[in-house]
Amino acid sequence: MAIELNRPALRNARALVREGKVVRDERDAWSEAAPTADEENSFIEEHGWTEYSHWHLGIDKQEAAETKGRFSFPIGDFRRVHRSGVIAAESRAGQYDYTELRDELKRLLELIDEE
């Protein structure tokens, strides 16, 4: 698995934070806030794979283009970026030594906290 930074998703996340579309929740809130599989499927049906990809900061280009397996490190609920999702993704990126991804997630968290 070769996870890379999904730059369009990062740009989308930064824009959403600057627009105030962010939930400043605590670390443990992500387990409740993360979209369910049914919510993901509904979002994909309504908005398509490109929009779905904009909510995931990790991308595995070895996976098929229109599969959930291609996208990882979700950071929002398809409406707003969640601070808890960014924290969870940053922690996981650090665990797997995805340093570029981890560093960008850290910067995104800093942006959330300064806004």
PDB file of N, CA and C in Angstrom:
ATOM      1  N   MET A   1       0.851  -1.180   0.000  1.00  0.00           N
ATOM      2  CA  MET A   1       0.000   0.000   0.000  1.00  0.00           C
ATOM      3  C   MET A   1       0.889   1.233   0.000  1.00  0.00           C
ATOM      4  N   ALA A   2       0.661   2.108  -0.957  1.00  0.00           N
ATOM      5  CA  ALA A   2       1.452   3.328  -1.086  1.00  0.00           C
ATOM      6  C   ALA A   2       0.530   4.534  -0.945  1.00  0.00           C
ATOM      7  N   ILE A   3       0.325   4.972   0.272  1.00  0.00           N
ATOM      8  CA  ILE A   3      -0.562   6.107   0.528  1.00  0.00           C
ATOM      9  C   ILE A   3       0.192   7.409   0.261  1.00  0.00           C
ATOM     10  N   GLU A   4      -0.431   8.279  -0.532  1.00  0.00           N
ATOM     11  CA  GLU A   4       0.128   9.590  -0.834  1.00  0.00           C
ATOM     12  C   GLU A   4      -0.817  10.669  -0.330  1.00  0.00           C
ATOM     13  N   LEU A   5      -0.297  11.866  -0.203  1.00  0.00           N
ATOM     14  CA  LEU A   5      -1.115  13.013   0.156  1.00  0.00           C
ATOM     15  C   LEU A   5      -2.050  13.343  -1.004  1.00  0.00           C
ATOM     16  N   ASN A   6      -3.318  13.477  -0.704  1.00  0.00           N
ATOM     17  CA  ASN A   6      -4.332  13.855  -1.682  1.00  0.00           C
ATOM     18  C   ASN A   6      -4.424  15.386  -1.667  1.00  0.00           C
ATOM     19  N   ARG A   7      -3.655  16.022  -2.530  1.00  0.00           N
ATOM     20  CA  ARG A   7      -3.546  17.487  -2.513  1.00  0.00           C
ATOM     21  C   ARG A   7      -4.873  18.218  -2.778  1.00  0.00           C
ATOM     22  N   PRO A   8      -5.720  17.752  -3.708  1.00  0.00           N
ATOM     23  CA  PRO A   8      -7.016  18.426  -3.866  1.00  0.00           C
ATOM     24  C   PRO A   8      -7.855  18.362  -2.579  1.00  0.00           C
ATOM     25  N   ALA A   9      -7.771  17.264  -1.864  1.00  0.00           N
ATOM     26  CA  ALA A   9      -8.505  17.145  -0.599  1.00  0.00           C
ATOM     27  C   ALA A   9      -7.948  18.103   0.439  1.00  0.00           C
ATOM     28  N   LEU A  10      -6.638  18.267   0.464  1.00  0.00           N
ATOM     29  CA  LEU A  10      -6.020  19.209   1.395  1.00  0.00           C
ATOM     30  C   LEU A  10      -6.467  20.634   1.083  1.00  0.00           C
ATOM     31  N   ARG A  11      -6.474  20.999  -0.195  1.00  0.00           N
ATOM     32  CA  ARG A  11      -6.945  22.340  -0.573  1.00  0.00           C
ATOM     33  C   ARG A  11      -8.398  22.542  -0.166  1.00  0.00           C
ATOM     34  N   ASN A  12      -9.217  21.517  -0.379  1.00  0.00           N
ATOM     35  CA  ASN A  12     -10.625  21.585   0.012  1.00  0.00           C
ATOM     36  C   ASN A  12     -10.760  21.766   1.524  1.00  0.00           C
ATOM     37  N   ALA A  13     -10.000  21.009   2.283  1.00  0.00           N
ATOM     38  CA  ALA A  13     -10.072  21.090   3.747  1.00  0.00           C
ATOM     39  C   ALA A  13      -9.666  22.471   4.240  1.00  0.00           C
ATOM     40  N   ARG A  14      -8.587  23.010   3.689  1.00  0.00           N
ATOM     41  CA  ARG A  14      -8.141  24.355   4.089  1.00  0.00           C
ATOM     42  C   ARG A  14      -9.199  25.399   3.773  1.00  0.00           C
ATOM     43  N   ALA A  15      -9.798  25.299   2.585  1.00  0.00           N
ATOM     44  CA  ALA A  15     -10.842  26.253   2.200  1.00  0.00           C
ATOM     45  C   ALA A  15     -12.039  26.160   3.140  1.00  0.00           C
ATOM     46  N   LEU A  16     -12.439  24.949   3.477  1.00  0.00           N
ATOM     47  CA  LEU A  16     -13.575  24.781   4.385  1.00  0.00           C
ATOM     48  C   LEU A  16     -13.285  25.382   5.754  1.00  0.00           C
ATOM     49  N   VAL A  17     -12.080  25.172   6.253  1.00  0.00           N
ATOM     50  CA  VAL A  17     -11.709  25.745   7.557  1.00  0.00           C
ATOM     51  C   VAL A  17     -11.763  27.268   7.481  1.00  0.00           C
ATOM     52  N   ARG A  18     -11.215  27.834   6.431  1.00  0.00           N
ATOM     53  CA  ARG A  18     -11.216  29.302   6.288  1.00  0.00           C
ATOM     54  C   ARG A  18     -12.632  29.860   6.161  1.00  0.00           C
ATOM     55  N   GLU A  19     -13.546  29.057   5.605  1.00  0.00           N
ATOM     56  CA  GLU A  19     -14.949  29.470   5.477  1.00  0.00           C
ATOM     57  C   GLU A  19     -15.727  29.259   6.776  1.00  0.00           C
ATOM     58  N   GLY A  20     -15.084  28.682   7.779  1.00  0.00           N
ATOM     59  CA  GLY A  20     -15.756  28.421   9.051  1.00  0.00           C
ATOM     60  C   GLY A  20     -16.539  27.126   9.064  1.00  0.00           C
ATOM     61  N   LYS A  21     -16.356  26.286   8.064  1.00  0.00           N
ATOM     62  CA  LYS A  21     -17.069  25.009   8.001  1.00  0.00           C
ATOM     63  C   LYS A  21     -16.233  23.945   8.698  1.00  0.00           C
ATOM     64  N   VAL A  22     -16.162  24.085  10.017  1.00  0.00           N
ATOM     65  CA  VAL A  22     -15.330  23.213  10.841  1.00  0.00           C
ATOM     66  C   VAL A  22     -16.022  22.975  12.175  1.00  0.00           C
ATOM     67  N   VAL A  23     -15.868  21.774  12.684  1.00  0.00           N
ATOM     68  CA  VAL A  23     -16.369  21.433  14.016  1.00  0.00           C
ATOM     69  C   VAL A  23     -15.144  21.315  14.917  1.00  0.00           C
ATOM     70  N   ARG A  24     -15.085  22.145  15.919  1.00  0.00           N
ATOM     71  CA  ARG A  24     -13.938  22.137  16.835  1.00  0.00           C
ATOM     72  C   ARG A  24     -14.237  21.204  18.012  1.00  0.00           C
ATOM     73  N   ASP A  25     -14.283  19.935  17.688  1.00  0.00           N
ATOM     74  CA  ASP A  25     -14.591  18.932  18.696  1.00  0.00           C
ATOM     75  C   ASP A  25     -13.305  18.344  19.269  1.00  0.00           C
ATOM     76  N   GLU A  26     -13.456  17.476  20.235  1.00  0.00           N
ATOM     77  CA  GLU A  26     -12.313  16.871  20.915  1.00  0.00           C
ATOM     78  C   GLU A  26     -11.916  15.565  20.248  1.00  0.00           C
ATOM     79  N   ARG A  27     -10.737  15.113  20.551  1.00  0.00           N
ATOM     80  CA  ARG A  27     -10.125  13.928  19.944  1.00  0.00           C
ATOM     81  C   ARG A  27     -11.076  12.728  19.893  1.00  0.00           C
ATOM     82  N   ASP A  28     -11.725  12.416  20.958  1.00  0.00           N
ATOM     83  CA  ASP A  28     -12.526  11.201  21.041  1.00  0.00           C
ATOM     84  C   ASP A  28     -13.864  11.289  20.299  1.00  0.00           C
ATOM     85  N   ALA A  29     -14.217  12.450  19.818  1.00  0.00           N
ATOM     86  CA  ALA A  29     -15.516  12.626  19.166  1.00  0.00           C
ATOM     87  C   ALA A  29     -15.576  12.015  17.768  1.00  0.00           C
ATOM     88  N   TRP A  30     -14.448  11.721  17.160  1.00  0.00           N
ATOM     89  CA  TRP A  30     -14.446  11.245  15.780  1.00  0.00           C
ATOM     90  C   TRP A  30     -15.177   9.918  15.617  1.00  0.00           C
ATOM     91  N   SER A  31     -15.101   9.050  16.591  1.00  0.00           N
ATOM     92  CA  SER A  31     -15.774   7.755  16.451  1.00  0.00           C
ATOM     93  C   SER A  31     -17.287   7.938  16.280  1.00  0.00           C
ATOM     94  N   GLU A  32     -17.840   8.985  16.841  1.00  0.00           N
ATOM     95  CA  GLU A  32     -19.268   9.275  16.685  1.00  0.00           C
ATOM     96  C   GLU A  32     -19.547  10.139  15.457  1.00  0.00           C
ATOM     97  N   ALA A  33     -18.600  10.988  15.074  1.00  0.00           N
ATOM     98  CA  ALA A  33     -18.813  11.955  13.996  1.00  0.00           C
ATOM     99  C   ALA A  33     -18.512  11.393  12.614  1.00  0.00           C
ATOM    100  N   ALA A  34     -17.657  10.401  12.532  1.00  0.00           N
ATOM    101  CA  ALA A  34     -17.252   9.847  11.229  1.00  0.00           C
ATOM    102  C   ALA A  34     -18.461   9.298  10.483  1.00  0.00           C
ATOM    103  N   PRO A  35     -18.525   9.532   9.192  1.00  0.00           N
ATOM    104  CA  PRO A  35     -19.649   9.007   8.407  1.00  0.00           C
ATOM    105  C   PRO A  35     -19.699   7.476   8.445  1.00  0.00           C
ATOM    106  N   THR A  36     -20.905   6.956   8.458  1.00  0.00           N
ATOM    107  CA  THR A  36     -21.092   5.510   8.398  1.00  0.00           C
ATOM    108  C   THR A  36     -20.927   5.053   6.947  1.00  0.00           C
ATOM    109  N   ALA A  37     -20.830   3.750   6.751  1.00  0.00           N
ATOM    110  CA  ALA A  37     -20.729   3.205   5.393  1.00  0.00           C
ATOM    111  C   ALA A  37     -21.947   3.597   4.560  1.00  0.00           C
ATOM    112  N   ASP A  38     -23.129   3.579   5.154  1.00  0.00           N
ATOM    113  CA  ASP A  38     -24.336   3.979   4.426  1.00  0.00           C
ATOM    114  C   ASP A  38     -24.290   5.454   4.040  1.00  0.00           C
ATOM    115  N   GLU A  39     -23.810   6.299   4.936  1.00  0.00           N
ATOM    116  CA  GLU A  39     -23.685   7.725   4.627  1.00  0.00           C
ATOM    117  C   GLU A  39     -22.661   7.950   3.506  1.00  0.00           C
ATOM    118  N   GLU A  40     -21.572   7.194   3.549  1.00  0.00           N
ATOM    119  CA  GLU A  40     -20.580   7.278   2.471  1.00  0.00           C
ATOM    120  C   GLU A  40     -21.196   6.878   1.135  1.00  0.00           C
ATOM    121  N   ASN A  41     -21.908   5.772   1.130  1.00  0.00           N
ATOM    122  CA  ASN A  41     -22.528   5.281  -0.106  1.00  0.00           C
ATOM    123  C   ASN A  41     -23.534   6.293  -0.666  1.00  0.00           C
ATOM    124  N   SER A  42     -24.330   6.871   0.209  1.00  0.00           N
ATOM    125  CA  SER A  42     -25.307   7.881  -0.227  1.00  0.00           C
ATOM    126  C   SER A  42     -24.601   9.102  -0.805  1.00  0.00           C
ATOM    127  N   PHE A  43     -23.521   9.522  -0.155  1.00  0.00           N
ATOM    128  CA  PHE A  43     -22.774  10.675  -0.642  1.00  0.00           C
ATOM    129  C   PHE A  43     -22.187  10.394  -2.023  1.00  0.00           C
ATOM    130  N   ILE A  44     -21.611   9.215  -2.189  1.00  0.00           N
ATOM    131  CA  ILE A  44     -21.030   8.841  -3.486  1.00  0.00           C
ATOM    132  C   ILE A  44     -22.106   8.821  -4.565  1.00  0.00           C
ATOM    133  N   GLU A  45     -23.262   8.247  -4.267  1.00  0.00           N
ATOM    134  CA  GLU A  45     -24.358   8.192  -5.243  1.00  0.00           C
ATOM    135  C   GLU A  45     -24.808   9.592  -5.652  1.00  0.00           C
ATOM    136  N   GLU A  46     -24.874  10.489  -4.688  1.00  0.00           N
ATOM    137  CA  GLU A  46     -25.373  11.837  -4.956  1.00  0.00           C
ATOM    138  C   GLU A  46     -24.318  12.760  -5.565  1.00  0.00           C
ATOM    139  N   HIS A  47     -23.053  12.650  -5.119  1.00  0.00           N
ATOM    140  CA  HIS A  47     -22.020  13.621  -5.495  1.00  0.00           C
ATOM    141  C   HIS A  47     -20.886  13.054  -6.342  1.00  0.00           C
ATOM    142  N   GLY A  48     -20.730  11.743  -6.365  1.00  0.00           N
ATOM    143  CA  GLY A  48     -19.687  11.121  -7.171  1.00  0.00           C
ATOM    144  C   GLY A  48     -18.375  10.915  -6.431  1.00  0.00           C
ATOM    145  N   TRP A  49     -17.485  10.202  -7.110  1.00  0.00           N
ATOM    146  CA  TRP A  49     -16.209   9.802  -6.508  1.00  0.00           C
ATOM    147  C   TRP A  49     -15.251  10.963  -6.297  1.00  0.00           C
ATOM    148  N   THR A  50     -15.256  11.926  -7.189  1.00  0.00           N
ATOM    149  CA  THR A  50     -14.330  13.057  -7.029  1.00  0.00           C
ATOM    150  C   THR A  50     -14.641  13.821  -5.756  1.00  0.00           C
ATOM    151  N   GLU A  51     -15.917  14.128  -5.539  1.00  0.00           N
ATOM    152  CA  GLU A  51     -16.294  14.841  -4.314  1.00  0.00           C
ATOM    153  C   GLU A  51     -16.001  13.994  -3.077  1.00  0.00           C
ATOM    154  N   TYR A  52     -16.243  12.703  -3.170  1.00  0.00           N
ATOM    155  CA  TYR A  52     -15.926  11.794  -2.066  1.00  0.00           C
ATOM    156  C   TYR A  52     -14.441  11.868  -1.740  1.00  0.00           C
ATOM    157  N   SER A  53     -13.610  11.891  -2.773  1.00  0.00           N
ATOM    158  CA  SER A  53     -12.157  11.920  -2.560  1.00  0.00           C
ATOM    159  C   SER A  53     -11.715  13.181  -1.840  1.00  0.00           C
ATOM    160  N   HIS A  54     -12.454  14.270  -1.983  1.00  0.00           N
ATOM    161  CA  HIS A  54     -12.077  15.539  -1.363  1.00  0.00           C
ATOM    162  C   HIS A  54     -12.232  15.540   0.152  1.00  0.00           C
ATOM    163  N   TRP A  55     -12.753  14.472   0.701  1.00  0.00           N
ATOM    164  CA  TRP A  55     -12.909  14.354   2.153  1.00  0.00           C
ATOM    165  C   TRP A  55     -11.905  13.378   2.755  1.00  0.00           C
ATOM    166  N   HIS A  56     -10.940  12.954   1.970  1.00  0.00           N
ATOM    167  CA  HIS A  56      -9.932  11.977   2.412  1.00  0.00           C
ATOM    168  C   HIS A  56      -8.542  12.482   2.031  1.00  0.00           C
ATOM    169  N   LEU A  57      -7.675  12.667   3.012  1.00  0.00           N
ATOM    170  CA  LEU A  57      -6.361  13.231   2.726  1.00  0.00           C
ATOM    171  C   LEU A  57      -5.342  12.196   2.258  1.00  0.00           C
ATOM    172  N   GLY A  58      -5.695  10.922   2.293  1.00  0.00           N
ATOM    173  CA  GLY A  58      -4.815   9.885   1.784  1.00  0.00           C
ATOM    174  C   GLY A  58      -5.393   9.272   0.527  1.00  0.00           C
ATOM    175  N   ILE A  59      -4.504   8.954  -0.411  1.00  0.00           N
ATOM    176  CA  ILE A  59      -4.936   8.303  -1.647  1.00  0.00           C
ATOM    177  C   ILE A  59      -3.929   7.212  -1.995  1.00  0.00           C
ATOM    178  N   ASP A  60      -4.462   6.047  -2.348  1.00  0.00           N
ATOM    179  CA  ASP A  60      -3.631   4.919  -2.750  1.00  0.00           C
ATOM    180  C   ASP A  60      -3.875   4.695  -4.235  1.00  0.00           C
ATOM    181  N   LYS A  61      -2.952   5.171  -5.064  1.00  0.00           N
ATOM    182  CA  LYS A  61      -3.136   5.118  -6.508  1.00  0.00           C
ATOM    183  C   LYS A  61      -2.992   3.713  -7.079  1.00  0.00           C
ATOM    184  N   GLN A  62      -2.609   2.762  -6.240  1.00  0.00           N
ATOM    185  CA  GLN A  62      -2.551   1.366  -6.675  1.00  0.00           C
ATOM    186  C   GLN A  62      -3.932   0.718  -6.620  1.00  0.00           C
ATOM    187  N   GLU A  63      -4.856   1.332  -5.919  1.00  0.00           N
ATOM    188  CA  GLU A  63      -6.227   0.827  -5.824  1.00  0.00           C
ATOM    189  C   GLU A  63      -7.042   1.367  -7.006  1.00  0.00           C
ATOM    190  N   ALA A  64      -8.077   0.669  -7.368  1.00  0.00           N
ATOM    191  CA  ALA A  64      -8.949   1.097  -8.459  1.00  0.00           C
ATOM    192  C   ALA A  64      -9.557   2.463  -8.154  1.00  0.00           C
ATOM    193  N   ALA A  65      -9.733   3.259  -9.208  1.00  0.00           N
ATOM    194  CA  ALA A  65     -10.155   4.653  -9.060  1.00  0.00           C
ATOM    195  C   ALA A  65     -11.486   4.818  -8.325  1.00  0.00           C
ATOM    196  N   GLU A  66     -12.474   4.044  -8.629  1.00  0.00           N
ATOM    197  CA  GLU A  66     -13.791   4.240  -8.030  1.00  0.00           C
ATOM    198  C   GLU A  66     -14.084   3.170  -6.993  1.00  0.00           C
ATOM    199  N   THR A  67     -13.204   3.120  -5.992  1.00  0.00           N
ATOM    200  CA  THR A  67     -13.395   2.217  -4.855  1.00  0.00           C
ATOM    201  C   THR A  67     -13.050   2.955  -3.575  1.00  0.00           C
ATOM    202  N   LYS A  68     -13.706   2.583  -2.500  1.00  0.00           N
ATOM    203  CA  LYS A  68     -13.403   3.205  -1.213  1.00  0.00           C
ATOM    204  C   LYS A  68     -11.987   2.885  -0.755  1.00  0.00           C
ATOM    205  N   GLY A  69     -11.458   1.751  -1.191  1.00  0.00           N
ATOM    206  CA  GLY A  69     -10.104   1.365  -0.813  1.00  0.00           C
ATOM    207  C   GLY A  69      -9.037   2.325  -1.310  1.00  0.00           C
ATOM    208  N   ARG A  70      -9.369   3.133  -2.290  1.00  0.00           N
ATOM    209  CA  ARG A  70      -8.415   4.101  -2.842  1.00  0.00           C
ATOM    210  C   ARG A  70      -8.205   5.288  -1.890  1.00  0.00           C
ATOM    211  N   PHE A  71      -9.190   5.563  -1.047  1.00  0.00           N
ATOM    212  CA  PHE A  71      -9.179   6.774  -0.229  1.00  0.00           C
ATOM    213  C   PHE A  71      -9.101   6.451   1.256  1.00  0.00           C
ATOM    214  N   SER A  72      -8.258   7.202   1.976  1.00  0.00           N
ATOM    215  CA  SER A  72      -8.089   6.970   3.412  1.00  0.00           C
ATOM    216  C   SER A  72      -7.854   8.303   4.121  1.00  0.00           C
ATOM    217  N   PHE A  73      -7.820   8.243   5.401  1.00  0.00           N
ATOM    218  CA  PHE A  73      -7.614   9.418   6.251  1.00  0.00           C
ATOM    219  C   PHE A  73      -8.733  10.447   6.078  1.00  0.00           C
ATOM    220  N   PRO A  74      -9.982  10.035   6.373  1.00  0.00           N
ATOM    221  CA  PRO A  74     -11.108  10.967   6.291  1.00  0.00           C
ATOM    222  C   PRO A  74     -10.994  12.046   7.369  1.00  0.00           C
ATOM    223  N   ILE A  75     -11.491  13.248   7.047  1.00  0.00           N
ATOM    224  CA  ILE A  75     -11.365  14.365   7.995  1.00  0.00           C
ATOM    225  C   ILE A  75     -12.670  15.141   8.187  1.00  0.00           C
ATOM    226  N   GLY A  76     -13.779  14.632   7.658  1.00  0.00           N
ATOM    227  CA  GLY A  76     -15.020  15.375   7.817  1.00  0.00           C
ATOM    228  C   GLY A  76     -16.246  14.525   7.575  1.00  0.00           C
ATOM    229  N   ASP A  77     -17.398  15.186   7.714  1.00  0.00           N
ATOM    230  CA  ASP A  77     -18.689  14.505   7.605  1.00  0.00           C
ATOM    231  C   ASP A  77     -19.423  14.833   6.305  1.00  0.00           C
ATOM    232  N   PHE A  78     -18.691  15.293   5.297  1.00  0.00           N
ATOM    233  CA  PHE A  78     -19.209  15.690   3.987  1.00  0.00           C
ATOM    234  C   PHE A  78     -19.907  17.050   4.007  1.00  0.00           C
ATOM    235  N   ARG A  79     -19.841  17.734   5.138  1.00  0.00           N
ATOM    236  CA  ARG A  79     -20.344  19.105   5.240  1.00  0.00           C
ATOM    237  C   ARG A  79     -19.304  20.011   5.884  1.00  0.00           C
ATOM    238  N   ARG A  80     -18.616  19.455   6.895  1.00  0.00           N
ATOM    239  CA  ARG A  80     -17.646  20.233   7.662  1.00  0.00           C
ATOM    240  C   ARG A  80     -16.440  19.366   8.000  1.00  0.00           C
ATOM    241  N   VAL A  81     -15.299  20.026   8.138  1.00  0.00           N
ATOM    242  CA  VAL A  81     -14.094  19.369   8.632  1.00  0.00           C
ATOM    243  C   VAL A  81     -14.252  19.213  10.139  1.00  0.00           C
ATOM    244  N   HIS A  82     -13.879  18.058  10.647  1.00  0.00           N
ATOM    245  CA  HIS A  82     -13.938  17.825  12.095  1.00  0.00           C
ATOM    246  C   HIS A  82     -12.519  17.824  12.657  1.00  0.00           C
ATOM    247  N   ARG A  83     -12.315  18.635  13.668  1.00  0.00           N
ATOM    248  CA  ARG A  83     -11.016  18.678  14.347  1.00  0.00           C
ATOM    249  C   ARG A  83     -10.631  17.275  14.816  1.00  0.00           C
ATOM    250  N   SER A  84     -11.596  16.550  15.337  1.00  0.00           N
ATOM    251  CA  SER A  84     -11.325  15.199  15.836  1.00  0.00           C
ATOM    252  C   SER A  84     -10.885  14.264  14.710  1.00  0.00           C
ATOM    253  N   GLY A  85     -11.429  14.445  13.510  1.00  0.00           N
ATOM    254  CA  GLY A  85     -11.022  13.635  12.366  1.00  0.00           C
ATOM    255  C   GLY A  85      -9.599  13.944  11.941  1.00  0.00           C
ATOM    256  N   VAL A  86      -9.230  15.219  11.999  1.00  0.00           N
ATOM    257  CA  VAL A  86      -7.874  15.623  11.653  1.00  0.00           C
ATOM    258  C   VAL A  86      -6.885  15.052  12.668  1.00  0.00           C
ATOM    259  N   ILE A  87      -7.250  15.100  13.952  1.00  0.00           N
ATOM    260  CA  ILE A  87      -6.379  14.541  14.997  1.00  0.00           C
ATOM    261  C   ILE A  87      -6.205  13.037  14.797  1.00  0.00           C
ATOM    262  N   ALA A  88      -7.312  12.343  14.545  1.00  0.00           N
ATOM    263  CA  ALA A  88      -7.243  10.891  14.346  1.00  0.00           C
ATOM    264  C   ALA A  88      -6.383  10.555  13.130  1.00  0.00           C
ATOM    265  N   ALA A  89      -6.549  11.303  12.044  1.00  0.00           N
ATOM    266  CA  ALA A  89      -5.773  11.052  10.833  1.00  0.00           C
ATOM    267  C   ALA A  89      -4.294  11.353  11.058  1.00  0.00           C
ATOM    268  N   GLU A  90      -4.008  12.435  11.757  1.00  0.00           N
ATOM    269  CA  GLU A  90      -2.604  12.780  12.037  1.00  0.00           C
ATOM    270  C   GLU A  90      -1.934  11.679  12.858  1.00  0.00           C
ATOM    271  N   SER A  91      -2.633  11.192  13.851  1.00  0.00           N
ATOM    272  CA  SER A  91      -2.084  10.132  14.693  1.00  0.00           C
ATOM    273  C   SER A  91      -1.816   8.869  13.877  1.00  0.00           C
ATOM    274  N   ARG A  92      -2.781   8.489  13.058  1.00  0.00           N
ATOM    275  CA  ARG A  92      -2.632   7.284  12.245  1.00  0.00           C
ATOM    276  C   ARG A  92      -1.528   7.439  11.206  1.00  0.00           C
ATOM    277  N   ALA A  93      -1.421   8.614  10.595  1.00  0.00           N
ATOM    278  CA  ALA A  93      -0.358   8.860   9.618  1.00  0.00           C
ATOM    279  C   ALA A  93       1.009   8.733  10.289  1.00  0.00           C
ATOM    280  N   GLY A  94       1.125   9.217  11.520  1.00  0.00           N
ATOM    281  CA  GLY A  94       2.373   9.087  12.257  1.00  0.00           C
ATOM    282  C   GLY A  94       2.704   7.638  12.568  1.00  0.00           C
ATOM    283  N   GLN A  95       1.696   6.859  12.917  1.00  0.00           N
ATOM    284  CA  GLN A  95       1.907   5.443  13.227  1.00  0.00           C
ATOM    285  C   GLN A  95       2.455   4.678  12.024  1.00  0.00           C
ATOM    286  N   TYR A  96       2.027   5.058  10.826  1.00  0.00           N
ATOM    287  CA  TYR A  96       2.427   4.340   9.620  1.00  0.00           C
ATOM    288  C   TYR A  96       3.569   5.030   8.867  1.00  0.00           C
ATOM    289  N   ASP A  97       4.163   6.030   9.489  1.00  0.00           N
ATOM    290  CA  ASP A  97       5.298   6.754   8.902  1.00  0.00           C
ATOM    291  C   ASP A  97       4.985   7.427   7.571  1.00  0.00           C
ATOM    292  N   TYR A  98       3.776   7.940   7.432  1.00  0.00           N
ATOM    293  CA  TYR A  98       3.422   8.758   6.275  1.00  0.00           C
ATOM    294  C   TYR A  98       3.733  10.202   6.669  1.00  0.00           C
ATOM    295  N   THR A  99       5.002  10.553   6.617  1.00  0.00           N
ATOM    296  CA  THR A  99       5.451  11.823   7.197  1.00  0.00           C
ATOM    297  C   THR A  99       4.865  13.039   6.492  1.00  0.00           C
ATOM    298  N   GLU A 100       4.799  13.039   5.169  1.00  0.00           N
ATOM    299  CA  GLU A 100       4.234  14.198   4.476  1.00  0.00           C
ATOM    300  C   GLU A 100       2.770  14.389   4.862  1.00  0.00           C
ATOM    301  N   LEU A 101       2.045  13.310   4.886  1.00  0.00           N
ATOM    302  CA  LEU A 101       0.637  13.359   5.274  1.00  0.00           C
ATOM    303  C   LEU A 101       0.488  13.824   6.721  1.00  0.00           C
ATOM    304  N   ARG A 102       1.282  13.245   7.605  1.00  0.00           N
ATOM    305  CA  ARG A 102       1.246  13.641   9.025  1.00  0.00           C
ATOM    306  C   ARG A 102       1.533  15.128   9.184  1.00  0.00           C
ATOM    307  N   ASP A 103       2.553  15.616   8.496  1.00  0.00           N
ATOM    308  CA  ASP A 103       2.933  17.027   8.626  1.00  0.00           C
ATOM    309  C   ASP A 103       1.852  17.962   8.110  1.00  0.00           C
ATOM    310  N   GLU A 104       1.217  17.609   7.000  1.00  0.00           N
ATOM    311  CA  GLU A 104       0.137  18.448   6.465  1.00  0.00           C
ATOM    312  C   GLU A 104      -1.092  18.414   7.379  1.00  0.00           C
ATOM    313  N   LEU A 105      -1.368  17.270   7.974  1.00  0.00           N
ATOM    314  CA  LEU A 105      -2.475  17.186   8.929  1.00  0.00           C
ATOM    315  C   LEU A 105      -2.186  18.041  10.157  1.00  0.00           C
ATOM    316  N   LYS A 106      -0.951  18.055  10.592  1.00  0.00           N
ATOM    317  CA  LYS A 106      -0.564  18.900  11.728  1.00  0.00           C
ATOM    318  C   LYS A 106      -0.786  20.371  11.384  1.00  0.00           C
ATOM    319  N   ARG A 107      -0.404  20.775  10.165  1.00  0.00           N
ATOM    320  CA  ARG A 107      -0.615  22.162   9.741  1.00  0.00           C
ATOM    321  C   ARG A 107      -2.103  22.490   9.647  1.00  0.00           C
ATOM    322  N   LEU A 108      -2.884  21.521   9.174  1.00  0.00           N
ATOM    323  CA  LEU A 108      -4.327  21.726   9.097  1.00  0.00           C
ATOM    324  C   LEU A 108      -4.918  21.902  10.488  1.00  0.00           C
ATOM    325  N   LEU A 109      -4.463  21.105  11.436  1.00  0.00           N
ATOM    326  CA  LEU A 109      -4.912  21.241  12.821  1.00  0.00           C
ATOM    327  C   LEU A 109      -4.548  22.608  13.374  1.00  0.00           C
ATOM    328  N   GLU A 110      -3.354  23.081  13.084  1.00  0.00           N
ATOM    329  CA  GLU A 110      -2.937  24.410  13.520  1.00  0.00           C
ATOM    330  C   GLU A 110      -3.839  25.487  12.924  1.00  0.00           C
ATOM    331  N   LEU A 111      -4.209  25.337  11.649  1.00  0.00           N
ATOM    332  CA  LEU A 111      -5.114  26.277  11.012  1.00  0.00           C
ATOM    333  C   LEU A 111      -6.476  26.267  11.709  1.00  0.00           C
ATOM    334  N   ILE A 112      -6.967  25.090  12.026  1.00  0.00           N
ATOM    335  CA  ILE A 112      -8.249  24.986  12.733  1.00  0.00           C
ATOM    336  C   ILE A 112      -8.164  25.693  14.084  1.00  0.00           C
ATOM    337  N   ASP A 113      -7.093  25.466  14.799  1.00  0.00           N
ATOM    338  CA  ASP A 113      -6.963  26.017  16.150  1.00  0.00           C
ATOM    339  C   ASP A 113      -6.721  27.520  16.168  1.00  0.00           C
ATOM    340  N   GLU A 114      -6.190  28.072  15.072  1.00  0.00           N
ATOM    341  CA  GLU A 114      -5.950  29.519  15.049  1.00  0.00           C
ATOM    342  C   GLU A 114      -7.134  30.307  14.516  1.00  0.00           C
ATOM    343  N   GLU A 115      -8.001  29.658  13.768  1.00  0.00           N
ATOM    344  CA  GLU A 115      -9.158  30.351  13.184  1.00  0.00           C
ATOM    345  C   GLU A 115     -10.131  30.767  14.273  1.00  0.00           C
TER     346      GLU A 115
END
